[in-house]
Amino acid sequence: MLVGGTGLYFQAVVDGFTIPPQFDEVRRTLDAEPDTAALHRRLTALDPVAAARMEPGNRRRVVRALEVTLGSGRPFSSFGPGVATFPPVPFPVVAVAWPRPELDTRIAARIDAQLAAGWIDEVRRLTSGATVLSRTARQALGYKELIDHLEGQRTLAETVELIRVRTRQFARRQERWFRRDPRVRWLAPGAGADDVVALARPDRSPA
């Protein structure tokens, strides 16, 4: 049983994506460019198929696609069929469809728990001393906002609310990602093992 993970990680495991190699020197050069939109325009010129598959502001994905395209000499999109392809799989895929108000409550509770467990101190340690965070790591959800807070850009209350808003937005994007996949069978919260087994029967066709 495989549980959790982002949509892209899920498809990498389920659909057997070919993982392109890393090109550290190219990556460092791209990380030095602060304009994500400019990087996306560059990707559009080199690999329009890959560029069309991602949001222009998704820096992590744009930089990765450019890194592979420049480093390997072949389009990033040539390394797999793409995330919009859903071939048959020999095992069931089940997801929980949380009502949004309840999901928002759970998100807020998790953020409060992370803060209570020392999240701010963790970010302070990561951004001080000998530790050097990459540009991509500094953009991680929650960490970016706390770094900005420690640099005096926002109050803690404003920062926490911003993390909540952006986490809710991210959760909705995750749900849209999985909703595209016809292989996913959706369960209501609180479903029991019998419900999972019923949805996962191999004789059921995808919804």
N, C-alpha and C. Protein backbone atom coordinates (compact mmCIF):
# COMPACT_ATOMS: atom_id res chain seq x y z
N MET A 1 0.85 -1.19 0.00
CA MET A 1 0.00 0.00 0.00
C MET A 1 0.88 1.24 0.00
N LEU A 2 0.62 2.13 -0.94
CA LEU A 2 1.35 3.39 -1.06
C LEU A 2 0.40 4.51 -0.67
N VAL A 3 0.78 5.35 0.30
CA VAL A 3 -0.11 6.38 0.81
C VAL A 3 0.57 7.74 0.74
N GLY A 4 -0.19 8.74 0.28
CA GLY A 4 0.31 10.10 0.31
C GLY A 4 1.17 10.46 -0.90
N GLY A 5 1.78 11.61 -0.82
CA GLY A 5 2.61 12.08 -1.92
C GLY A 5 1.87 13.06 -2.82
N THR A 6 2.61 13.88 -3.53
CA THR A 6 2.00 14.81 -4.46
C THR A 6 1.53 14.08 -5.71
N GLY A 7 0.75 14.77 -6.53
CA GLY A 7 0.24 14.16 -7.75
C GLY A 7 1.34 13.70 -8.67
N LEU A 8 2.40 14.49 -8.78
CA LEU A 8 3.50 14.12 -9.67
C LEU A 8 4.24 12.90 -9.15
N TYR A 9 4.47 12.82 -7.84
CA TYR A 9 5.12 11.64 -7.27
C TYR A 9 4.26 10.41 -7.49
N PHE A 10 2.95 10.59 -7.32
CA PHE A 10 2.02 9.49 -7.52
C PHE A 10 2.14 8.94 -8.94
N GLN A 11 2.12 9.82 -9.93
CA GLN A 11 2.19 9.35 -11.30
C GLN A 11 3.58 8.81 -11.65
N ALA A 12 4.61 9.31 -11.00
CA ALA A 12 5.94 8.76 -11.24
C ALA A 12 6.00 7.30 -10.83
N VAL A 13 5.32 6.96 -9.72
CA VAL A 13 5.30 5.57 -9.25
C VAL A 13 4.32 4.73 -10.05
N VAL A 14 3.11 5.24 -10.21
CA VAL A 14 2.04 4.47 -10.83
C VAL A 14 2.27 4.27 -12.33
N ASP A 15 2.73 5.32 -13.00
CA ASP A 15 2.85 5.28 -14.46
C ASP A 15 4.28 5.03 -14.94
N GLY A 16 5.19 4.86 -14.01
CA GLY A 16 6.55 4.51 -14.40
C GLY A 16 7.25 5.56 -15.23
N PHE A 17 7.11 6.82 -14.84
CA PHE A 17 7.79 7.88 -15.57
C PHE A 17 9.30 7.62 -15.60
N THR A 18 9.92 7.97 -16.71
CA THR A 18 11.37 7.97 -16.78
C THR A 18 11.87 9.26 -16.13
N ILE A 19 12.61 9.13 -15.06
CA ILE A 19 13.08 10.31 -14.33
C ILE A 19 14.33 10.87 -15.02
N PRO A 20 14.27 12.08 -15.55
CA PRO A 20 15.45 12.65 -16.22
C PRO A 20 16.59 12.86 -15.23
N PRO A 21 17.82 12.85 -15.72
CA PRO A 21 18.97 13.08 -14.84
C PRO A 21 19.02 14.52 -14.35
N GLN A 22 19.88 14.76 -13.37
CA GLN A 22 20.08 16.10 -12.85
C GLN A 22 21.31 16.72 -13.47
N PHE A 23 21.27 18.04 -13.62
CA PHE A 23 22.39 18.79 -14.19
C PHE A 23 22.65 19.98 -13.25
N ASP A 24 23.51 19.74 -12.28
CA ASP A 24 23.68 20.69 -11.18
C ASP A 24 24.17 22.06 -11.64
N GLU A 25 25.12 22.09 -12.56
CA GLU A 25 25.65 23.37 -13.02
C GLU A 25 24.58 24.18 -13.73
N VAL A 26 23.80 23.51 -14.56
CA VAL A 26 22.71 24.19 -15.26
C VAL A 26 21.70 24.70 -14.24
N ARG A 27 21.41 23.89 -13.26
CA ARG A 27 20.44 24.27 -12.23
C ARG A 27 20.90 25.52 -11.48
N ARG A 28 22.16 25.57 -11.12
CA ARG A 28 22.66 26.72 -10.38
C ARG A 28 22.56 28.00 -11.22
N THR A 29 22.82 27.88 -12.51
CA THR A 29 22.70 29.04 -13.39
C THR A 29 21.25 29.52 -13.47
N LEU A 30 20.33 28.59 -13.59
CA LEU A 30 18.91 28.95 -13.68
C LEU A 30 18.42 29.54 -12.36
N ASP A 31 18.89 29.01 -11.24
CA ASP A 31 18.48 29.53 -9.94
C ASP A 31 18.90 30.99 -9.74
N ALA A 32 19.93 31.41 -10.47
CA ALA A 32 20.40 32.79 -10.34
C ALA A 32 19.48 33.78 -11.03
N GLU A 33 18.56 33.28 -11.87
CA GLU A 33 17.61 34.16 -12.56
C GLU A 33 16.36 34.33 -11.70
N PRO A 34 16.09 35.53 -11.20
CA PRO A 34 14.95 35.71 -10.30
C PRO A 34 13.59 35.77 -11.00
N ASP A 35 13.58 36.01 -12.30
CA ASP A 35 12.33 36.21 -13.04
C ASP A 35 11.79 34.87 -13.55
N THR A 36 10.84 34.30 -12.83
CA THR A 36 10.27 33.00 -13.21
C THR A 36 9.54 33.10 -14.55
N ALA A 37 8.86 34.21 -14.78
CA ALA A 37 8.14 34.38 -16.05
C ALA A 37 9.10 34.36 -17.24
N ALA A 38 10.28 34.96 -17.06
CA ALA A 38 11.27 34.94 -18.12
C ALA A 38 11.77 33.53 -18.38
N LEU A 39 11.95 32.76 -17.32
CA LEU A 39 12.36 31.36 -17.47
C LEU A 39 11.29 30.56 -18.21
N HIS A 40 10.03 30.84 -17.91
CA HIS A 40 8.95 30.12 -18.59
C HIS A 40 8.91 30.49 -20.08
N ARG A 41 9.16 31.74 -20.40
CA ARG A 41 9.21 32.15 -21.82
C ARG A 41 10.35 31.44 -22.53
N ARG A 42 11.46 31.28 -21.83
CA ARG A 42 12.59 30.56 -22.43
C ARG A 42 12.23 29.10 -22.66
N LEU A 43 11.54 28.50 -21.69
CA LEU A 43 11.10 27.11 -21.84
C LEU A 43 10.13 26.99 -23.00
N THR A 44 9.23 27.95 -23.14
CA THR A 44 8.26 27.93 -24.24
C THR A 44 8.96 27.89 -25.59
N ALA A 45 10.06 28.64 -25.70
CA ALA A 45 10.80 28.65 -26.96
C ALA A 45 11.51 27.33 -27.22
N LEU A 46 11.98 26.68 -26.15
CA LEU A 46 12.75 25.45 -26.31
C LEU A 46 11.89 24.19 -26.32
N ASP A 47 10.84 24.19 -25.51
CA ASP A 47 9.99 23.01 -25.38
C ASP A 47 8.55 23.47 -25.10
N PRO A 48 7.84 23.91 -26.14
CA PRO A 48 6.47 24.43 -25.94
C PRO A 48 5.51 23.41 -25.34
N VAL A 49 5.74 22.11 -25.60
CA VAL A 49 4.87 21.08 -25.04
C VAL A 49 4.98 21.07 -23.52
N ALA A 50 6.21 21.06 -23.01
CA ALA A 50 6.41 21.07 -21.56
C ALA A 50 5.90 22.37 -20.94
N ALA A 51 6.16 23.49 -21.60
CA ALA A 51 5.73 24.79 -21.06
C ALA A 51 4.22 24.86 -20.93
N ALA A 52 3.51 24.26 -21.88
CA ALA A 52 2.04 24.30 -21.85
C ALA A 52 1.47 23.44 -20.74
N ARG A 53 2.26 22.53 -20.20
CA ARG A 53 1.78 21.61 -19.16
C ARG A 53 1.92 22.17 -17.75
N MET A 54 2.49 23.37 -17.60
CA MET A 54 2.72 23.89 -16.26
C MET A 54 2.35 25.36 -16.18
N GLU A 55 2.04 25.79 -14.97
CA GLU A 55 1.71 27.19 -14.74
C GLU A 55 2.99 28.02 -14.85
N PRO A 56 2.93 29.18 -15.52
CA PRO A 56 4.13 30.01 -15.69
C PRO A 56 4.79 30.42 -14.38
N GLY A 57 4.00 30.49 -13.31
CA GLY A 57 4.57 30.91 -12.03
C GLY A 57 5.07 29.78 -11.15
N ASN A 58 4.96 28.53 -11.63
CA ASN A 58 5.42 27.39 -10.84
C ASN A 58 6.92 27.24 -11.04
N ARG A 59 7.67 27.96 -10.25
CA ARG A 59 9.12 28.06 -10.47
C ARG A 59 9.81 26.70 -10.42
N ARG A 60 9.43 25.88 -9.45
CA ARG A 60 10.11 24.59 -9.31
C ARG A 60 10.00 23.77 -10.59
N ARG A 61 8.81 23.69 -11.15
CA ARG A 61 8.61 22.88 -12.35
C ARG A 61 9.26 23.52 -13.57
N VAL A 62 9.17 24.85 -13.68
CA VAL A 62 9.77 25.54 -14.83
C VAL A 62 11.29 25.35 -14.83
N VAL A 63 11.90 25.55 -13.66
CA VAL A 63 13.36 25.41 -13.58
C VAL A 63 13.78 23.98 -13.87
N ARG A 64 13.05 23.02 -13.35
CA ARG A 64 13.40 21.61 -13.59
C ARG A 64 13.31 21.27 -15.08
N ALA A 65 12.24 21.72 -15.74
CA ALA A 65 12.09 21.44 -17.17
C ALA A 65 13.20 22.08 -17.98
N LEU A 66 13.56 23.30 -17.64
CA LEU A 66 14.66 23.97 -18.34
C LEU A 66 16.00 23.28 -18.06
N GLU A 67 16.21 22.91 -16.81
CA GLU A 67 17.45 22.22 -16.44
C GLU A 67 17.66 20.98 -17.30
N VAL A 68 16.60 20.17 -17.44
CA VAL A 68 16.71 18.93 -18.21
C VAL A 68 16.86 19.22 -19.70
N THR A 69 16.09 20.17 -20.20
CA THR A 69 16.15 20.50 -21.62
C THR A 69 17.53 21.00 -22.01
N LEU A 70 18.09 21.90 -21.21
CA LEU A 70 19.41 22.46 -21.51
C LEU A 70 20.52 21.45 -21.25
N GLY A 71 20.39 20.72 -20.15
CA GLY A 71 21.46 19.80 -19.76
C GLY A 71 21.54 18.57 -20.63
N SER A 72 20.39 18.04 -21.06
CA SER A 72 20.37 16.80 -21.84
C SER A 72 20.42 17.03 -23.34
N GLY A 73 20.05 18.25 -23.76
CA GLY A 73 20.00 18.52 -25.19
C GLY A 73 18.75 17.99 -25.87
N ARG A 74 17.77 17.56 -25.08
CA ARG A 74 16.50 17.08 -25.64
C ARG A 74 15.35 17.64 -24.82
N PRO A 75 14.18 17.81 -25.42
CA PRO A 75 13.07 18.43 -24.69
C PRO A 75 12.69 17.65 -23.44
N PHE A 76 12.35 18.38 -22.41
CA PHE A 76 11.88 17.75 -21.17
C PHE A 76 10.67 16.87 -21.44
N SER A 77 9.79 17.30 -22.35
CA SER A 77 8.57 16.56 -22.64
C SER A 77 8.85 15.22 -23.31
N SER A 78 10.06 15.01 -23.81
CA SER A 78 10.38 13.74 -24.49
C SER A 78 10.67 12.61 -23.51
N PHE A 79 10.73 12.92 -22.21
CA PHE A 79 11.07 11.90 -21.22
C PHE A 79 9.87 11.10 -20.73
N GLY A 80 8.70 11.39 -21.21
CA GLY A 80 7.53 10.64 -20.79
C GLY A 80 6.30 11.11 -21.52
N PRO A 81 5.19 10.39 -21.35
CA PRO A 81 3.97 10.73 -22.08
C PRO A 81 3.27 11.97 -21.55
N GLY A 82 3.69 12.46 -20.39
CA GLY A 82 3.05 13.64 -19.83
C GLY A 82 2.06 13.27 -18.74
N VAL A 83 1.75 14.27 -17.91
CA VAL A 83 0.90 14.02 -16.75
C VAL A 83 -0.58 13.95 -17.11
N ALA A 84 -0.93 14.21 -18.37
CA ALA A 84 -2.33 14.13 -18.78
C ALA A 84 -2.66 12.79 -19.42
N THR A 85 -1.75 11.84 -19.34
CA THR A 85 -1.96 10.50 -19.88
C THR A 85 -2.26 9.54 -18.72
N PHE A 86 -3.34 8.75 -18.86
CA PHE A 86 -3.77 7.89 -17.75
C PHE A 86 -3.93 6.45 -18.24
N PRO A 87 -2.83 5.73 -18.41
CA PRO A 87 -2.93 4.35 -18.88
C PRO A 87 -3.52 3.44 -17.80
N PRO A 88 -4.03 2.29 -18.18
CA PRO A 88 -4.56 1.35 -17.18
C PRO A 88 -3.47 0.93 -16.20
N VAL A 89 -3.87 0.68 -14.96
CA VAL A 89 -2.93 0.23 -13.93
C VAL A 89 -3.50 -1.03 -13.28
N PRO A 90 -2.62 -1.93 -12.82
CA PRO A 90 -3.09 -3.22 -12.29
C PRO A 90 -3.46 -3.18 -10.81
N PHE A 91 -3.72 -2.01 -10.26
CA PHE A 91 -4.07 -1.92 -8.85
C PHE A 91 -5.05 -0.76 -8.66
N PRO A 92 -5.82 -0.77 -7.59
CA PRO A 92 -6.81 0.29 -7.36
C PRO A 92 -6.19 1.57 -6.81
N VAL A 93 -6.80 2.68 -7.14
CA VAL A 93 -6.38 3.98 -6.63
C VAL A 93 -7.59 4.61 -5.95
N VAL A 94 -7.45 4.94 -4.68
CA VAL A 94 -8.56 5.45 -3.88
C VAL A 94 -8.14 6.78 -3.25
N ALA A 95 -9.06 7.74 -3.26
CA ALA A 95 -8.79 9.04 -2.65
C ALA A 95 -9.96 9.43 -1.75
N VAL A 96 -9.67 10.28 -0.77
CA VAL A 96 -10.70 10.78 0.15
C VAL A 96 -11.10 12.18 -0.27
N ALA A 97 -12.39 12.38 -0.47
CA ALA A 97 -12.92 13.69 -0.88
C ALA A 97 -13.41 14.45 0.34
N TRP A 98 -12.53 15.23 0.95
CA TRP A 98 -12.91 16.00 2.14
C TRP A 98 -13.77 17.19 1.73
N PRO A 99 -14.87 17.46 2.42
CA PRO A 99 -15.60 18.72 2.20
C PRO A 99 -14.66 19.89 2.48
N ARG A 100 -14.72 20.91 1.68
CA ARG A 100 -13.73 21.99 1.80
C ARG A 100 -13.72 22.67 3.17
N PRO A 101 -14.88 22.95 3.78
CA PRO A 101 -14.81 23.56 5.12
C PRO A 101 -14.06 22.69 6.12
N GLU A 102 -14.28 21.39 6.06
CA GLU A 102 -13.59 20.49 6.97
C GLU A 102 -12.10 20.41 6.64
N LEU A 103 -11.79 20.39 5.35
CA LEU A 103 -10.38 20.37 4.94
C LEU A 103 -9.66 21.64 5.40
N ASP A 104 -10.33 22.78 5.26
CA ASP A 104 -9.72 24.04 5.69
C ASP A 104 -9.45 24.03 7.20
N THR A 105 -10.37 23.44 7.96
CA THR A 105 -10.17 23.34 9.41
C THR A 105 -8.97 22.46 9.74
N ARG A 106 -8.82 21.36 9.02
CA ARG A 106 -7.70 20.46 9.24
C ARG A 106 -6.37 21.12 8.86
N ILE A 107 -6.40 21.89 7.79
CA ILE A 107 -5.18 22.60 7.37
C ILE A 107 -4.77 23.59 8.46
N ALA A 108 -5.72 24.36 8.96
CA ALA A 108 -5.40 25.34 10.00
C ALA A 108 -4.85 24.65 11.25
N ALA A 109 -5.44 23.52 11.62
CA ALA A 109 -4.97 22.80 12.80
C ALA A 109 -3.55 22.27 12.60
N ARG A 110 -3.26 21.79 11.41
CA ARG A 110 -1.91 21.28 11.16
C ARG A 110 -0.88 22.40 11.22
N ILE A 111 -1.20 23.55 10.65
CA ILE A 111 -0.28 24.69 10.69
C ILE A 111 -0.04 25.12 12.13
N ASP A 112 -1.10 25.19 12.93
CA ASP A 112 -0.95 25.55 14.35
C ASP A 112 -0.05 24.54 15.07
N ALA A 113 -0.22 23.26 14.74
CA ALA A 113 0.59 22.22 15.38
C ALA A 113 2.06 22.36 14.98
N GLN A 114 2.31 22.68 13.71
CA GLN A 114 3.69 22.86 13.26
C GLN A 114 4.35 24.04 13.97
N LEU A 115 3.60 25.12 14.13
CA LEU A 115 4.15 26.28 14.82
C LEU A 115 4.42 25.96 16.29
N ALA A 116 3.51 25.24 16.91
CA ALA A 116 3.69 24.87 18.31
C ALA A 116 4.88 23.93 18.50
N ALA A 117 5.21 23.16 17.46
CA ALA A 117 6.32 22.22 17.54
C ALA A 117 7.67 22.87 17.22
N GLY A 118 7.68 24.17 16.97
CA GLY A 118 8.96 24.86 16.75
C GLY A 118 9.30 25.17 15.32
N TRP A 119 8.29 25.33 14.46
CA TRP A 119 8.53 25.59 13.04
C TRP A 119 9.35 26.85 12.82
N ILE A 120 9.02 27.92 13.56
CA ILE A 120 9.75 29.18 13.38
C ILE A 120 11.22 29.01 13.74
N ASP A 121 11.50 28.31 14.82
CA ASP A 121 12.90 28.07 15.21
C ASP A 121 13.63 27.24 14.16
N GLU A 122 12.92 26.29 13.56
CA GLU A 122 13.53 25.49 12.50
C GLU A 122 13.94 26.37 11.32
N VAL A 123 13.04 27.25 10.91
CA VAL A 123 13.33 28.14 9.78
C VAL A 123 14.47 29.08 10.13
N ARG A 124 14.50 29.54 11.38
CA ARG A 124 15.57 30.43 11.81
C ARG A 124 16.93 29.72 11.72
N ARG A 125 16.96 28.44 12.12
CA ARG A 125 18.22 27.69 12.05
C ARG A 125 18.63 27.46 10.59
N LEU A 126 17.64 27.20 9.72
CA LEU A 126 17.94 26.92 8.32
C LEU A 126 18.46 28.15 7.58
N THR A 127 18.16 29.32 8.07
CA THR A 127 18.55 30.55 7.37
C THR A 127 19.67 31.30 8.08
N SER A 128 20.30 30.65 9.02
CA SER A 128 21.40 31.29 9.74
C SER A 128 22.59 30.35 9.79
N GLY A 129 23.73 30.87 10.14
CA GLY A 129 24.92 30.05 10.25
C GLY A 129 25.42 29.55 8.91
N ALA A 130 25.88 28.31 8.89
CA ALA A 130 26.52 27.76 7.69
C ALA A 130 25.51 27.20 6.69
N THR A 131 24.25 27.12 7.09
CA THR A 131 23.25 26.54 6.21
C THR A 131 22.95 27.47 5.04
N VAL A 132 22.96 26.91 3.83
CA VAL A 132 22.64 27.69 2.64
C VAL A 132 21.48 27.00 1.92
N LEU A 133 20.32 27.62 1.96
CA LEU A 133 19.15 27.06 1.28
C LEU A 133 19.16 27.48 -0.18
N SER A 134 18.82 26.55 -1.05
CA SER A 134 18.70 26.89 -2.47
C SER A 134 17.50 27.81 -2.67
N ARG A 135 17.46 28.48 -3.81
CA ARG A 135 16.32 29.34 -4.12
C ARG A 135 15.02 28.53 -4.10
N THR A 136 15.07 27.31 -4.63
CA THR A 136 13.87 26.48 -4.66
C THR A 136 13.41 26.12 -3.26
N ALA A 137 14.35 25.76 -2.38
CA ALA A 137 13.98 25.40 -1.01
C ALA A 137 13.37 26.59 -0.28
N ARG A 138 13.86 27.78 -0.56
CA ARG A 138 13.34 28.97 0.09
C ARG A 138 11.92 29.29 -0.35
N GLN A 139 11.48 28.70 -1.47
CA GLN A 139 10.14 28.95 -1.97
C GLN A 139 9.12 27.93 -1.45
N ALA A 140 9.56 26.96 -0.66
CA ALA A 140 8.65 25.92 -0.17
C ALA A 140 7.51 26.54 0.62
N LEU A 141 6.32 25.99 0.45
CA LEU A 141 5.12 26.51 1.10
C LEU A 141 5.29 26.56 2.61
N GLY A 142 5.05 27.70 3.19
CA GLY A 142 5.21 27.90 4.62
C GLY A 142 6.58 28.42 4.98
N TYR A 143 7.61 27.84 4.40
CA TYR A 143 8.98 28.28 4.67
C TYR A 143 9.22 29.66 4.07
N LYS A 144 8.76 29.87 2.85
CA LYS A 144 8.93 31.19 2.23
C LYS A 144 8.29 32.28 3.08
N GLU A 145 7.08 32.03 3.54
CA GLU A 145 6.38 33.04 4.32
C GLU A 145 7.05 33.29 5.67
N LEU A 146 7.55 32.23 6.30
CA LEU A 146 8.23 32.40 7.59
C LEU A 146 9.58 33.09 7.41
N ILE A 147 10.27 32.82 6.30
CA ILE A 147 11.52 33.53 6.03
C ILE A 147 11.23 35.02 5.88
N ASP A 148 10.17 35.35 5.12
CA ASP A 148 9.80 36.76 4.96
C ASP A 148 9.48 37.39 6.31
N HIS A 149 8.81 36.65 7.18
CA HIS A 149 8.49 37.17 8.52
C HIS A 149 9.76 37.44 9.31
N LEU A 150 10.69 36.50 9.29
CA LEU A 150 11.94 36.69 10.04
C LEU A 150 12.77 37.83 9.48
N GLU A 151 12.55 38.15 8.22
CA GLU A 151 13.25 39.29 7.61
C GLU A 151 12.50 40.60 7.80
N GLY A 152 11.40 40.55 8.57
CA GLY A 152 10.68 41.76 8.93
C GLY A 152 9.63 42.23 7.94
N GLN A 153 9.24 41.37 7.00
CA GLN A 153 8.29 41.81 5.97
C GLN A 153 6.85 41.77 6.44
N ARG A 154 6.52 40.89 7.40
CA ARG A 154 5.15 40.77 7.88
C ARG A 154 5.16 40.43 9.37
N THR A 155 4.06 40.73 10.03
CA THR A 155 3.90 40.28 11.41
C THR A 155 3.66 38.78 11.41
N LEU A 156 3.79 38.17 12.58
CA LEU A 156 3.55 36.73 12.68
C LEU A 156 2.09 36.41 12.36
N ALA A 157 1.16 37.23 12.85
CA ALA A 157 -0.26 36.97 12.58
C ALA A 157 -0.55 37.03 11.09
N GLU A 158 0.01 38.01 10.40
CA GLU A 158 -0.18 38.12 8.95
C GLU A 158 0.44 36.93 8.23
N THR A 159 1.58 36.50 8.73
CA THR A 159 2.28 35.38 8.11
C THR A 159 1.49 34.09 8.25
N VAL A 160 0.99 33.83 9.43
CA VAL A 160 0.22 32.60 9.65
C VAL A 160 -1.02 32.58 8.76
N GLU A 161 -1.71 33.70 8.67
CA GLU A 161 -2.90 33.75 7.82
C GLU A 161 -2.54 33.54 6.35
N LEU A 162 -1.41 34.09 5.92
CA LEU A 162 -0.98 33.90 4.53
C LEU A 162 -0.64 32.44 4.26
N ILE A 163 0.00 31.78 5.21
CA ILE A 163 0.31 30.36 5.05
C ILE A 163 -0.98 29.55 4.94
N ARG A 164 -1.97 29.90 5.75
CA ARG A 164 -3.24 29.19 5.67
C ARG A 164 -3.89 29.37 4.31
N VAL A 165 -3.91 30.59 3.81
CA VAL A 165 -4.53 30.87 2.51
C VAL A 165 -3.82 30.11 1.40
N ARG A 166 -2.50 30.20 1.39
CA ARG A 166 -1.75 29.55 0.30
C ARG A 166 -1.81 28.03 0.40
N THR A 167 -1.89 27.50 1.61
CA THR A 167 -2.03 26.05 1.77
C THR A 167 -3.39 25.59 1.28
N ARG A 168 -4.43 26.35 1.57
CA ARG A 168 -5.76 26.00 1.05
C ARG A 168 -5.77 26.03 -0.48
N GLN A 169 -5.11 27.02 -1.05
CA GLN A 169 -5.04 27.10 -2.51
C GLN A 169 -4.29 25.91 -3.09
N PHE A 170 -3.21 25.53 -2.41
CA PHE A 170 -2.43 24.37 -2.87
C PHE A 170 -3.25 23.09 -2.78
N ALA A 171 -4.01 22.94 -1.70
CA ALA A 171 -4.85 21.75 -1.54
C ALA A 171 -5.90 21.67 -2.65
N ARG A 172 -6.43 22.79 -3.07
CA ARG A 172 -7.41 22.78 -4.15
C ARG A 172 -6.76 22.41 -5.48
N ARG A 173 -5.53 22.88 -5.68
CA ARG A 173 -4.82 22.48 -6.91
C ARG A 173 -4.54 20.99 -6.90
N GLN A 174 -4.17 20.45 -5.74
CA GLN A 174 -3.95 19.00 -5.63
C GLN A 174 -5.22 18.23 -5.97
N GLU A 175 -6.34 18.70 -5.44
CA GLU A 175 -7.60 18.00 -5.71
C GLU A 175 -7.92 18.04 -7.21
N ARG A 176 -7.73 19.19 -7.84
CA ARG A 176 -8.01 19.29 -9.28
C ARG A 176 -7.11 18.33 -10.05
N TRP A 177 -5.85 18.20 -9.61
CA TRP A 177 -4.92 17.28 -10.27
C TRP A 177 -5.48 15.85 -10.25
N PHE A 178 -5.90 15.40 -9.07
CA PHE A 178 -6.39 14.02 -8.96
C PHE A 178 -7.77 13.85 -9.58
N ARG A 179 -8.57 14.91 -9.62
CA ARG A 179 -9.88 14.81 -10.24
C ARG A 179 -9.78 14.55 -11.75
N ARG A 180 -8.67 14.92 -12.36
CA ARG A 180 -8.49 14.69 -13.79
C ARG A 180 -8.28 13.21 -14.10
N ASP A 181 -7.85 12.47 -13.11
CA ASP A 181 -7.44 11.09 -13.34
C ASP A 181 -8.64 10.15 -13.21
N PRO A 182 -9.10 9.55 -14.30
CA PRO A 182 -10.29 8.69 -14.24
C PRO A 182 -10.07 7.40 -13.47
N ARG A 183 -8.82 7.10 -13.12
CA ARG A 183 -8.54 5.86 -12.39
C ARG A 183 -8.80 5.99 -10.90
N VAL A 184 -8.94 7.22 -10.41
CA VAL A 184 -9.12 7.46 -8.98
C VAL A 184 -10.58 7.24 -8.59
N ARG A 185 -10.82 6.44 -7.56
CA ARG A 185 -12.16 6.22 -7.01
C ARG A 185 -12.25 7.01 -5.71
N TRP A 186 -13.30 7.81 -5.57
CA TRP A 186 -13.40 8.76 -4.47
C TRP A 186 -14.28 8.24 -3.34
N LEU A 187 -13.79 8.43 -2.13
CA LEU A 187 -14.50 8.03 -0.91
C LEU A 187 -14.80 9.24 -0.05
N ALA A 188 -15.91 9.18 0.68
CA ALA A 188 -16.22 10.21 1.66
C ALA A 188 -15.41 9.98 2.93
N PRO A 189 -15.09 11.04 3.68
CA PRO A 189 -14.39 10.86 4.96
C PRO A 189 -15.18 9.93 5.88
N GLY A 190 -14.47 9.12 6.62
CA GLY A 190 -15.13 8.20 7.53
C GLY A 190 -15.51 6.88 6.91
N ALA A 191 -15.21 6.70 5.63
CA ALA A 191 -15.52 5.42 4.98
C ALA A 191 -14.72 4.31 5.65
N GLY A 192 -15.32 3.13 5.70
CA GLY A 192 -14.68 2.00 6.33
C GLY A 192 -13.97 1.10 5.34
N ALA A 193 -13.37 0.05 5.87
CA ALA A 193 -12.61 -0.87 5.02
C ALA A 193 -13.50 -1.51 3.95
N ASP A 194 -14.76 -1.81 4.29
CA ASP A 194 -15.65 -2.42 3.31
C ASP A 194 -15.90 -1.49 2.13
N ASP A 195 -15.99 -0.19 2.41
CA ASP A 195 -16.20 0.78 1.33
C ASP A 195 -14.99 0.82 0.41
N VAL A 196 -13.80 0.77 1.01
CA VAL A 196 -12.57 0.78 0.20
C VAL A 196 -12.52 -0.46 -0.69
N VAL A 197 -12.82 -1.60 -0.11
CA VAL A 197 -12.79 -2.85 -0.88
C VAL A 197 -13.80 -2.81 -2.01
N ALA A 198 -15.00 -2.28 -1.75
CA ALA A 198 -16.03 -2.21 -2.78
C ALA A 198 -15.61 -1.31 -3.94
N LEU A 199 -15.00 -0.18 -3.62
CA LEU A 199 -14.55 0.72 -4.67
C LEU A 199 -13.38 0.15 -5.44
N ALA A 200 -12.56 -0.62 -4.75
CA ALA A 200 -11.31 -1.11 -5.34
C ALA A 200 -11.48 -2.41 -6.10
N ARG A 201 -12.70 -2.94 -6.20
CA ARG A 201 -12.89 -4.20 -6.92
C ARG A 201 -12.39 -4.06 -8.34
N PRO A 202 -11.62 -5.03 -8.83
CA PRO A 202 -11.05 -4.91 -10.17
C PRO A 202 -12.10 -4.92 -11.29
N ASP A 203 -13.33 -5.36 -11.01
CA ASP A 203 -14.34 -5.41 -12.05
C ASP A 203 -15.06 -4.08 -12.22
N ARG A 204 -14.71 -3.07 -11.38
CA ARG A 204 -15.30 -1.75 -11.53
C ARG A 204 -14.52 -0.96 -12.55
N SER A 205 -15.22 -0.31 -13.45
CA SER A 205 -14.55 0.57 -14.41
C SER A 205 -14.36 1.94 -13.77
N PRO A 206 -13.34 2.71 -14.17
CA PRO A 206 -13.12 4.02 -13.59
C PRO A 206 -14.34 4.91 -13.78
N ALA A 207 -14.58 5.80 -12.82
CA ALA A 207 -15.70 6.72 -12.89
C ALA A 207 -15.49 7.72 -14.02
